[in-house]
Amino acid sequence: WEKDVTLSSKEAKAFLNDKEAFEKERIIIKFNDDESVTFTR
């Protein structure tokens, strides 16, 4: 909610199963070319 957060694929894995919670807050999950994952509102 404050700023975009980019996590490594390993750390992001723990949150990818909770898509409904992120969608409710209109947070988009972007998979980057370097295999990192960005969470952005």
All heavy atoms as atom14 arrays in JSON, in Angstrom:
{
  "sequence": "WEKDVTLSSKEAKAFLNDKEAFEKERIIIKFNDDESVTFTR",
  "atom14_mask": [
    [1, 1, 1, 1, 1, 1, 1, 1, 1, 1, 1, 1, 1, 1],
    [1, 1, 1, 1, 1, 1, 1, 1, 1, 0, 0, 0, 0, 0],
    [1, 1, 1, 1, 1, 1, 1, 1, 1, 0, 0, 0, 0, 0],
    [1, 1, 1, 1, 1, 1, 1, 1, 0, 0, 0, 0, 0, 0],
    [1, 1, 1, 1, 1, 1, 1, 0, 0, 0, 0, 0, 0, 0],
    [1, 1, 1, 1, 1, 1, 1, 0, 0, 0, 0, 0, 0, 0],
    [1, 1, 1, 1, 1, 1, 1, 1, 0, 0, 0, 0, 0, 0],
    [1, 1, 1, 1, 1, 1, 0, 0, 0, 0, 0, 0, 0, 0],
    [1, 1, 1, 1, 1, 1, 0, 0, 0, 0, 0, 0, 0, 0],
    [1, 1, 1, 1, 1, 1, 1, 1, 1, 0, 0, 0, 0, 0],
    [1, 1, 1, 1, 1, 1, 1, 1, 1, 0, 0, 0, 0, 0],
    [1, 1, 1, 1, 1, 0, 0, 0, 0, 0, 0, 0, 0, 0],
    [1, 1, 1, 1, 1, 1, 1, 1, 1, 0, 0, 0, 0, 0],
    [1, 1, 1, 1, 1, 0, 0, 0, 0, 0, 0, 0, 0, 0],
    [1, 1, 1, 1, 1, 1, 1, 1, 1, 1, 1, 0, 0, 0],
    [1, 1, 1, 1, 1, 1, 1, 1, 0, 0, 0, 0, 0, 0],
    [1, 1, 1, 1, 1, 1, 1, 1, 0, 0, 0, 0, 0, 0],
    [1, 1, 1, 1, 1, 1, 1, 1, 0, 0, 0, 0, 0, 0],
    [1, 1, 1, 1, 1, 1, 1, 1, 1, 0, 0, 0, 0, 0],
    [1, 1, 1, 1, 1, 1, 1, 1, 1, 0, 0, 0, 0, 0],
    [1, 1, 1, 1, 1, 0, 0, 0, 0, 0, 0, 0, 0, 0],
    [1, 1, 1, 1, 1, 1, 1, 1, 1, 1, 1, 0, 0, 0],
    [1, 1, 1, 1, 1, 1, 1, 1, 1, 0, 0, 0, 0, 0],
    [1, 1, 1, 1, 1, 1, 1, 1, 1, 0, 0, 0, 0, 0],
    [1, 1, 1, 1, 1, 1, 1, 1, 1, 0, 0, 0, 0, 0],
    [1, 1, 1, 1, 1, 1, 1, 1, 1, 1, 1, 0, 0, 0],
    [1, 1, 1, 1, 1, 1, 1, 1, 0, 0, 0, 0, 0, 0],
    [1, 1, 1, 1, 1, 1, 1, 1, 0, 0, 0, 0, 0, 0],
    [1, 1, 1, 1, 1, 1, 1, 1, 0, 0, 0, 0, 0, 0],
    [1, 1, 1, 1, 1, 1, 1, 1, 1, 0, 0, 0, 0, 0],
    [1, 1, 1, 1, 1, 1, 1, 1, 1, 1, 1, 0, 0, 0],
    [1, 1, 1, 1, 1, 1, 1, 1, 0, 0, 0, 0, 0, 0],
    [1, 1, 1, 1, 1, 1, 1, 1, 0, 0, 0, 0, 0, 0],
    [1, 1, 1, 1, 1, 1, 1, 1, 0, 0, 0, 0, 0, 0],
    [1, 1, 1, 1, 1, 1, 1, 1, 1, 0, 0, 0, 0, 0],
    [1, 1, 1, 1, 1, 1, 0, 0, 0, 0, 0, 0, 0, 0],
    [1, 1, 1, 1, 1, 1, 1, 0, 0, 0, 0, 0, 0, 0],
    [1, 1, 1, 1, 1, 1, 1, 0, 0, 0, 0, 0, 0, 0],
    [1, 1, 1, 1, 1, 1, 1, 1, 1, 1, 1, 0, 0, 0],
    [1, 1, 1, 1, 1, 1, 1, 0, 0, 0, 0, 0, 0, 0],
    [1, 1, 1, 1, 1, 1, 1, 1, 1, 1, 1, 0, 0, 0]
  ],
  "atom14_positions": [
    [[0.84, -1.21, 0.0], [0.0, 0.0, 0.0], [0.87, 1.26, 0.0], [0.47, 2.3, -0.5], [-0.93, 0.0, 1.23], [-2.28, -0.53, 0.93], [-2.61, -1.82, 0.68], [-3.48, 0.23, 0.81], [-3.96, -1.92, 0.42], [-4.52, -0.69, 0.5], [-3.8, 1.57, 0.96], [-5.84, -0.29, 0.33], [-5.12, 1.96, 0.78], [-6.12, 1.04, 0.47]],
    [[2.07, 1.14, 0.55], [2.98, 2.28, 0.61], [3.86, 2.36, -0.65], [4.12, 3.44, -1.17], [3.88, 2.19, 1.85], [3.11, 2.18, 3.16], [2.4, 3.48, 3.43], [2.9, 4.53, 2.97], [1.34, 3.46, 4.08], [0.0, 0.0, 0.0], [0.0, 0.0, 0.0], [0.0, 0.0, 0.0], [0.0, 0.0, 0.0], [0.0, 0.0, 0.0]],
    [[4.32, 1.21, -1.14], [5.22, 1.19, -2.3], [5.28, -0.23, -2.87], [4.91, -1.2, -2.2], [6.63, 1.65, -1.89], [7.27, 0.78, -0.82], [8.62, 1.32, -0.4], [9.24, 0.43, 0.7], [10.56, 0.95, 1.13], [0.0, 0.0, 0.0], [0.0, 0.0, 0.0], [0.0, 0.0, 0.0], [0.0, 0.0, 0.0], [0.0, 0.0, 0.0]],
    [[5.77, -0.35, -4.1], [5.93, -1.66, -4.71], [6.94, -2.48, -3.91], [7.92, -1.94, -3.37], [6.42, -1.53, -6.15], [5.34, -0.95, -7.06], [4.23, -0.72, -6.57], [5.64, -0.74, -8.26], [0.0, 0.0, 0.0], [0.0, 0.0, 0.0], [0.0, 0.0, 0.0], [0.0, 0.0, 0.0], [0.0, 0.0, 0.0], [0.0, 0.0, 0.0]],
    [[6.73, -3.78, -3.85], [7.64, -4.69, -3.16], [8.07, -5.78, -4.14], [7.23, -6.43, -4.77], [6.97, -5.34, -1.93], [7.89, -6.4, -1.32], [6.63, -4.27, -0.89], [0.0, 0.0, 0.0], [0.0, 0.0, 0.0], [0.0, 0.0, 0.0], [0.0, 0.0, 0.0], [0.0, 0.0, 0.0], [0.0, 0.0, 0.0], [0.0, 0.0, 0.0]],
    [[9.37, -5.95, -4.28], [9.92, -7.0, -5.14], [10.6, -8.04, -4.27], [11.47, -7.72, -3.44], [10.92, -6.43, -6.16], [10.25, -5.46, -6.98], [11.5, -7.54, -7.04], [0.0, 0.0, 0.0], [0.0, 0.0, 0.0], [0.0, 0.0, 0.0], [0.0, 0.0, 0.0], [0.0, 0.0, 0.0], [0.0, 0.0, 0.0], [0.0, 0.0, 0.0]],
    [[10.22, -9.31, -4.44], [10.77, -10.42, -3.67], [11.44, -11.41, -4.62], [11.1, -11.49, -5.81], [9.67, -11.14, -2.89], [8.82, -10.31, -1.92], [7.76, -11.21, -1.28], [9.7, -9.68, -0.84], [0.0, 0.0, 0.0], [0.0, 0.0, 0.0], [0.0, 0.0, 0.0], [0.0, 0.0, 0.0], [0.0, 0.0, 0.0], [0.0, 0.0, 0.0]],
    [[12.35, -12.15, -4.08], [12.93, -13.24, -4.86], [11.85, -14.29, -5.09], [10.85, -14.35, -4.36], [14.1, -13.85, -4.11], [13.63, -14.5, -2.93], [0.0, 0.0, 0.0], [0.0, 0.0, 0.0], [0.0, 0.0, 0.0], [0.0, 0.0, 0.0], [0.0, 0.0, 0.0], [0.0, 0.0, 0.0], [0.0, 0.0, 0.0], [0.0, 0.0, 0.0]],
    [[12.01, -15.1, -6.1], [11.02, -16.13, -6.39], [10.85, -17.08, -5.21], [9.74, -17.57, -4.94], [11.43, -16.92, -7.64], [12.72, -17.51, -7.45], [0.0, 0.0, 0.0], [0.0, 0.0, 0.0], [0.0, 0.0, 0.0], [0.0, 0.0, 0.0], [0.0, 0.0, 0.0], [0.0, 0.0, 0.0], [0.0, 0.0, 0.0], [0.0, 0.0, 0.0]],
    [[11.94, -17.31, -4.49], [11.88, -18.22, -3.34], [11.0, -17.64, -2.24], [10.14, -18.33, -1.68], [13.29, -18.46, -2.81], [13.35, -19.38, -1.61], [14.78, -19.58, -1.16], [14.83, -20.47, 0.09], [16.24, -20.66, 0.56], [0.0, 0.0, 0.0], [0.0, 0.0, 0.0], [0.0, 0.0, 0.0], [0.0, 0.0, 0.0], [0.0, 0.0, 0.0]],
    [[11.18, -16.35, -1.92], [10.38, -15.75, -0.85], [8.95, -15.49, -1.3], [8.0, -15.61, -0.51], [11.02, -14.45, -0.39], [10.37, -13.88, 0.86], [11.16, -12.75, 1.47], [11.82, -12.02, 0.7], [11.12, -12.6, 2.7], [0.0, 0.0, 0.0], [0.0, 0.0, 0.0], [0.0, 0.0, 0.0], [0.0, 0.0, 0.0], [0.0, 0.0, 0.0]],
    [[8.77, -15.17, -2.58], [7.42, -14.88, -3.07], [6.55, -16.13, -3.09], [5.32, -16.05, -3.01], [7.51, -14.3, -4.48], [0.0, 0.0, 0.0], [0.0, 0.0, 0.0], [0.0, 0.0, 0.0], [0.0, 0.0, 0.0], [0.0, 0.0, 0.0], [0.0, 0.0, 0.0], [0.0, 0.0, 0.0], [0.0, 0.0, 0.0], [0.0, 0.0, 0.0]],
    [[7.18, -17.3, -3.18], [6.44, -18.55, -3.29], [5.46, -18.73, -2.13], [4.37, -19.29, -2.31], [7.43, -19.72, -3.35], [6.78, -21.05, -3.62], [7.82, -22.15, -3.76], [7.16, -23.49, -4.07], [8.18, -24.58, -4.2], [0.0, 0.0, 0.0], [0.0, 0.0, 0.0], [0.0, 0.0, 0.0], [0.0, 0.0, 0.0], [0.0, 0.0, 0.0]],
    [[5.83, -18.25, -0.96], [4.97, -18.42, 0.22], [3.67, -17.64, 0.12], [2.71, -17.93, 0.83], [5.75, -17.99, 1.47], [0.0, 0.0, 0.0], [0.0, 0.0, 0.0], [0.0, 0.0, 0.0], [0.0, 0.0, 0.0], [0.0, 0.0, 0.0], [0.0, 0.0, 0.0], [0.0, 0.0, 0.0], [0.0, 0.0, 0.0], [0.0, 0.0, 0.0]],
    [[3.62, -16.64, -0.78], [2.44, -15.79, -0.87], [1.6, -16.03, -2.13], [0.48, -15.53, -2.23], [2.87, -14.31, -0.84], [3.67, -13.95, 0.36], [5.05, -13.77, 0.26], [3.08, -13.8, 1.6], [5.8, -13.44, 1.37], [3.82, -13.47, 2.72], [5.19, -13.3, 2.61], [0.0, 0.0, 0.0], [0.0, 0.0, 0.0], [0.0, 0.0, 0.0]],
    [[2.12, -16.77, -3.07], [1.44, -16.93, -4.35], [0.15, -17.72, -4.25], [-0.71, -17.64, -5.14], [2.37, -17.59, -5.37], [3.61, -16.76, -5.75], [4.46, -17.5, -6.78], [3.21, -15.39, -6.27], [0.0, 0.0, 0.0], [0.0, 0.0, 0.0], [0.0, 0.0, 0.0], [0.0, 0.0, 0.0], [0.0, 0.0, 0.0], [0.0, 0.0, 0.0]],
    [[-0.01, -18.5, -3.19], [-1.25, -19.25, -3.0], [-2.36, -18.41, -2.37], [-3.47, -18.91, -2.18], [-0.99, -20.5, -2.14], [-0.12, -21.52, -2.85], [-0.18, -21.64, -4.08], [0.7, -22.23, -2.1], [0.0, 0.0, 0.0], [0.0, 0.0, 0.0], [0.0, 0.0, 0.0], [0.0, 0.0, 0.0], [0.0, 0.0, 0.0], [0.0, 0.0, 0.0]],
    [[-2.02, -17.16, -2.02], [-3.0, -16.29, -1.36], [-3.46, -15.17, -2.31], [-3.58, -14.01, -1.93], [-2.37, -15.69, -0.1], [-3.43, -15.23, 0.9], [-4.63, -15.5, 0.66], [-3.06, -14.61, 1.9], [0.0, 0.0, 0.0], [0.0, 0.0, 0.0], [0.0, 0.0, 0.0], [0.0, 0.0, 0.0], [0.0, 0.0, 0.0], [0.0, 0.0, 0.0]],
    [[-3.7, -15.58, -3.57], [-4.03, -14.58, -4.6], [-5.3, -13.8, -4.27], [-5.42, -12.63, -4.58], [-4.18, -15.27, -5.95], [-2.87, -15.74, -6.56], [-3.1, -16.3, -7.95], [-1.78, -16.73, -8.57], [-1.99, -17.28, -9.94], [0.0, 0.0, 0.0], [0.0, 0.0, 0.0], [0.0, 0.0, 0.0], [0.0, 0.0, 0.0], [0.0, 0.0, 0.0]],
    [[-6.26, -14.46, -3.64], [-7.54, -13.8, -3.35], [-7.36, -12.58, -2.45], [-8.0, -11.54, -2.65], [-8.5, -14.8, -2.68], [-9.9, -14.24, -2.47], [-10.85, -15.28, -1.91], [-10.57, -16.48, -2.04], [-11.89, -14.86, -1.35], [0.0, 0.0, 0.0], [0.0, 0.0, 0.0], [0.0, 0.0, 0.0], [0.0, 0.0, 0.0], [0.0, 0.0, 0.0]],
    [[-6.46, -12.71, -1.46], [-6.21, -11.59, -0.54], [-5.61, -10.4, -1.28], [-5.95, -9.24, -1.03], [-5.29, -12.03, 0.59], [0.0, 0.0, 0.0], [0.0, 0.0, 0.0], [0.0, 0.0, 0.0], [0.0, 0.0, 0.0], [0.0, 0.0, 0.0], [0.0, 0.0, 0.0], [0.0, 0.0, 0.0], [0.0, 0.0, 0.0], [0.0, 0.0, 0.0]],
    [[-4.73, -10.69, -2.24], [-4.09, -9.61, -2.99], [-5.07, -8.99, -3.99], [-5.08, -7.78, -4.2], [-2.84, -10.12, -3.71], [-1.74, -10.51, -2.77], [-1.48, -11.85, -2.48], [-0.96, -9.54, -2.15], [-0.48, -12.2, -1.61], [0.05, -9.89, -1.27], [0.29, -11.23, -0.99], [0.0, 0.0, 0.0], [0.0, 0.0, 0.0], [0.0, 0.0, 0.0]],
    [[-5.89, -9.83, -4.62], [-6.86, -9.31, -5.58], [-7.89, -8.41, -4.89], [-8.34, -7.42, -5.46], [-7.58, -10.48, -6.27], [-6.68, -11.22, -7.25], [-7.37, -12.43, -7.85], [-8.51, -12.73, -7.42], [-6.77, -13.09, -8.72], [0.0, 0.0, 0.0], [0.0, 0.0, 0.0], [0.0, 0.0, 0.0], [0.0, 0.0, 0.0], [0.0, 0.0, 0.0]],
    [[-8.25, -8.76, -3.66], [-9.21, -7.95, -2.9], [-8.68, -6.53, -2.69], [-9.44, -5.56, -2.69], [-9.49, -8.61, -1.56], [-10.53, -7.89, -0.72], [-10.79, -8.62, 0.58], [-11.81, -7.88, 1.43], [-12.03, -8.56, 2.73], [0.0, 0.0, 0.0], [0.0, 0.0, 0.0], [0.0, 0.0, 0.0], [0.0, 0.0, 0.0], [0.0, 0.0, 0.0]],
    [[-7.37, -6.42, -2.52], [-6.75, -5.11, -2.31], [-6.24, -4.52, -3.62], [-5.5, -3.55, -3.63], [-5.59, -5.22, -1.32], [-6.03, -5.68, 0.07], [-6.93, -4.67, 0.75], [-6.81, -3.47, 0.45], [-7.75, -5.09, 1.57], [0.0, 0.0, 0.0], [0.0, 0.0, 0.0], [0.0, 0.0, 0.0], [0.0, 0.0, 0.0], [0.0, 0.0, 0.0]],
    [[-6.62, -5.14, -4.74], [-6.23, -4.74, -6.08], [-4.71, -4.65, -6.2], [-4.14, -3.69, -6.73], [-6.89, -3.41, -6.48], [-7.06, -3.3, -7.99], [-7.57, -1.97, -8.46], [-6.69, -0.89, -8.07], [-7.02, 0.0, -7.16], [-8.18, -0.07, -6.57], [-6.19, 0.97, -6.85], [0.0, 0.0, 0.0], [0.0, 0.0, 0.0], [0.0, 0.0, 0.0]],
    [[-4.05, -5.65, -5.69], [-2.6, -5.76, -5.8], [-2.28, -6.74, -6.92], [-2.79, -7.87, -6.95], [-1.98, -6.22, -4.47], [-2.1, -5.08, -3.44], [-0.52, -6.61, -4.66], [-1.66, -5.46, -2.05], [0.0, 0.0, 0.0], [0.0, 0.0, 0.0], [0.0, 0.0, 0.0], [0.0, 0.0, 0.0], [0.0, 0.0, 0.0], [0.0, 0.0, 0.0]],
    [[-1.44, -6.32, -7.84], [-1.07, -7.13, -9.0], [0.27, -7.82, -8.73], [1.2, -7.21, -8.19], [-0.98, -6.26, -10.26], [-2.37, -5.71, -10.62], [-0.41, -7.03, -11.44], [-2.36, -4.73, -11.77], [0.0, 0.0, 0.0], [0.0, 0.0, 0.0], [0.0, 0.0, 0.0], [0.0, 0.0, 0.0], [0.0, 0.0, 0.0], [0.0, 0.0, 0.0]],
    [[0.36, -9.07, -9.14], [1.6, -9.83, -8.98], [2.27, -9.93, -10.35], [1.69, -10.48, -11.3], [1.32, -11.24, -8.42], [0.6, -11.13, -7.07], [2.6, -12.03, -8.28], [0.14, -12.46, -6.5], [0.0, 0.0, 0.0], [0.0, 0.0, 0.0], [0.0, 0.0, 0.0], [0.0, 0.0, 0.0], [0.0, 0.0, 0.0], [0.0, 0.0, 0.0]],
    [[3.47, -9.37, -10.47], [4.19, -9.35, -11.75], [5.43, -10.24, -11.65], [6.23, -10.11, -10.71], [4.61, -7.91, -12.08], [3.43, -6.98, -12.33], [3.88, -5.52, -12.37], [4.88, -5.28, -13.48], [5.27, -3.84, -13.54], [0.0, 0.0, 0.0], [0.0, 0.0, 0.0], [0.0, 0.0, 0.0], [0.0, 0.0, 0.0], [0.0, 0.0, 0.0]],
    [[5.6, -11.12, -12.62], [6.77, -11.99, -12.66], [7.81, -11.37, -13.6], [7.56, -11.18, -14.79], [6.37, -13.39, -13.15], [5.44, -14.11, -12.21], [4.06, -13.96, -12.34], [5.94, -14.9, -11.19], [3.2, -14.6, -11.47], [5.08, -15.55, -10.31], [3.71, -15.41, -10.45], [0.0, 0.0, 0.0], [0.0, 0.0, 0.0], [0.0, 0.0, 0.0]],
    [[8.96, -11.06, -13.05], [9.99, -10.34, -13.79], [10.94, -11.3, -14.51], [11.0, -12.5, -14.2], [10.78, -9.45, -12.84], [9.87, -8.49, -12.08], [8.97, -7.89, -12.67], [10.09, -8.36, -10.77], [0.0, 0.0, 0.0], [0.0, 0.0, 0.0], [0.0, 0.0, 0.0], [0.0, 0.0, 0.0], [0.0, 0.0, 0.0], [0.0, 0.0, 0.0]],
    [[11.7, -10.75, -15.48], [12.63, -11.56, -16.28], [13.73, -12.17, -15.44], [14.27, -13.23, -15.79], [13.24, -10.7, -17.39], [12.19, -10.28, -18.43], [11.16, -10.97, -18.51], [12.42, -9.27, -19.12], [0.0, 0.0, 0.0], [0.0, 0.0, 0.0], [0.0, 0.0, 0.0], [0.0, 0.0, 0.0], [0.0, 0.0, 0.0], [0.0, 0.0, 0.0]],
    [[14.11, -11.52, -14.34], [15.2, -12.06, -13.5], [14.68, -13.05, -12.46], [15.36, -13.35, -11.48], [15.95, -10.92, -12.8], [15.05, -10.12, -11.86], [13.83, -10.43, -11.79], [15.54, -9.18, -11.22], [0.0, 0.0, 0.0], [0.0, 0.0, 0.0], [0.0, 0.0, 0.0], [0.0, 0.0, 0.0], [0.0, 0.0, 0.0], [0.0, 0.0, 0.0]],
    [[13.42, -13.51, -12.68], [12.77, -14.49, -11.81], [12.34, -13.93, -10.46], [11.86, -14.67, -9.6], [13.66, -15.74, -11.6], [13.91, -16.5, -12.89], [14.63, -17.81, -12.63], [15.04, -18.05, -11.48], [14.77, -18.6, -13.59], [0.0, 0.0, 0.0], [0.0, 0.0, 0.0], [0.0, 0.0, 0.0], [0.0, 0.0, 0.0], [0.0, 0.0, 0.0]],
    [[12.5, -12.61, -10.27], [11.96, -12.0, -9.07], [10.47, -11.74, -9.28], [9.96, -11.83, -10.41], [12.69, -10.69, -8.76], [12.47, -9.74, -9.79], [0.0, 0.0, 0.0], [0.0, 0.0, 0.0], [0.0, 0.0, 0.0], [0.0, 0.0, 0.0], [0.0, 0.0, 0.0], [0.0, 0.0, 0.0], [0.0, 0.0, 0.0], [0.0, 0.0, 0.0]],
    [[9.76, -11.42, -8.21], [8.31, -11.18, -8.29], [8.01, -9.83, -7.65], [8.45, -9.56, -6.52], [7.52, -12.29, -7.57], [6.03, -12.01, -7.64], [7.84, -13.65, -8.18], [0.0, 0.0, 0.0], [0.0, 0.0, 0.0], [0.0, 0.0, 0.0], [0.0, 0.0, 0.0], [0.0, 0.0, 0.0], [0.0, 0.0, 0.0], [0.0, 0.0, 0.0]],
    [[7.27, -9.0, -8.37], [6.93, -7.67, -7.85], [5.44, -7.63, -7.51], [4.6, -8.03, -8.31], [7.24, -6.57, -8.88], [8.65, -6.55, -9.13], [6.8, -5.2, -8.36], [0.0, 0.0, 0.0], [0.0, 0.0, 0.0], [0.0, 0.0, 0.0], [0.0, 0.0, 0.0], [0.0, 0.0, 0.0], [0.0, 0.0, 0.0], [0.0, 0.0, 0.0]],
    [[5.15, -7.14, -6.31], [3.77, -6.93, -5.86], [3.51, -5.42, -5.96], [4.2, -4.63, -5.32], [3.59, -7.42, -4.42], [3.78, -8.9, -4.26], [5.06, -9.46, -4.19], [2.68, -9.76, -4.19], [5.23, -10.83, -4.05], [2.85, -11.12, -4.04], [4.12, -11.66, -3.98], [0.0, 0.0, 0.0], [0.0, 0.0, 0.0], [0.0, 0.0, 0.0]],
    [[2.51, -5.05, -6.77], [2.25, -3.62, -6.98], [0.76, -3.34, -6.9], [-0.07, -4.15, -7.32], [2.8, -3.16, -8.35], [2.52, -1.77, -8.53], [2.17, -3.92, -9.49], [0.0, 0.0, 0.0], [0.0, 0.0, 0.0], [0.0, 0.0, 0.0], [0.0, 0.0, 0.0], [0.0, 0.0, 0.0], [0.0, 0.0, 0.0], [0.0, 0.0, 0.0]],
    [[0.42, -2.21, -6.33], [-0.98, -1.81, -6.22], [-1.33, -0.95, -7.41], [-0.8, 0.14, -7.6], [-1.22, -1.06, -4.91], [-2.7, -0.8, -4.63], [-2.88, -0.4, -3.18], [-4.3, -0.22, -2.88], [-4.94, 0.94, -2.96], [-4.28, 2.01, -3.33], [-6.22, 1.03, -2.67], [0.0, 0.0, 0.0], [0.0, 0.0, 0.0], [0.0, 0.0, 0.0]]
  ]
}
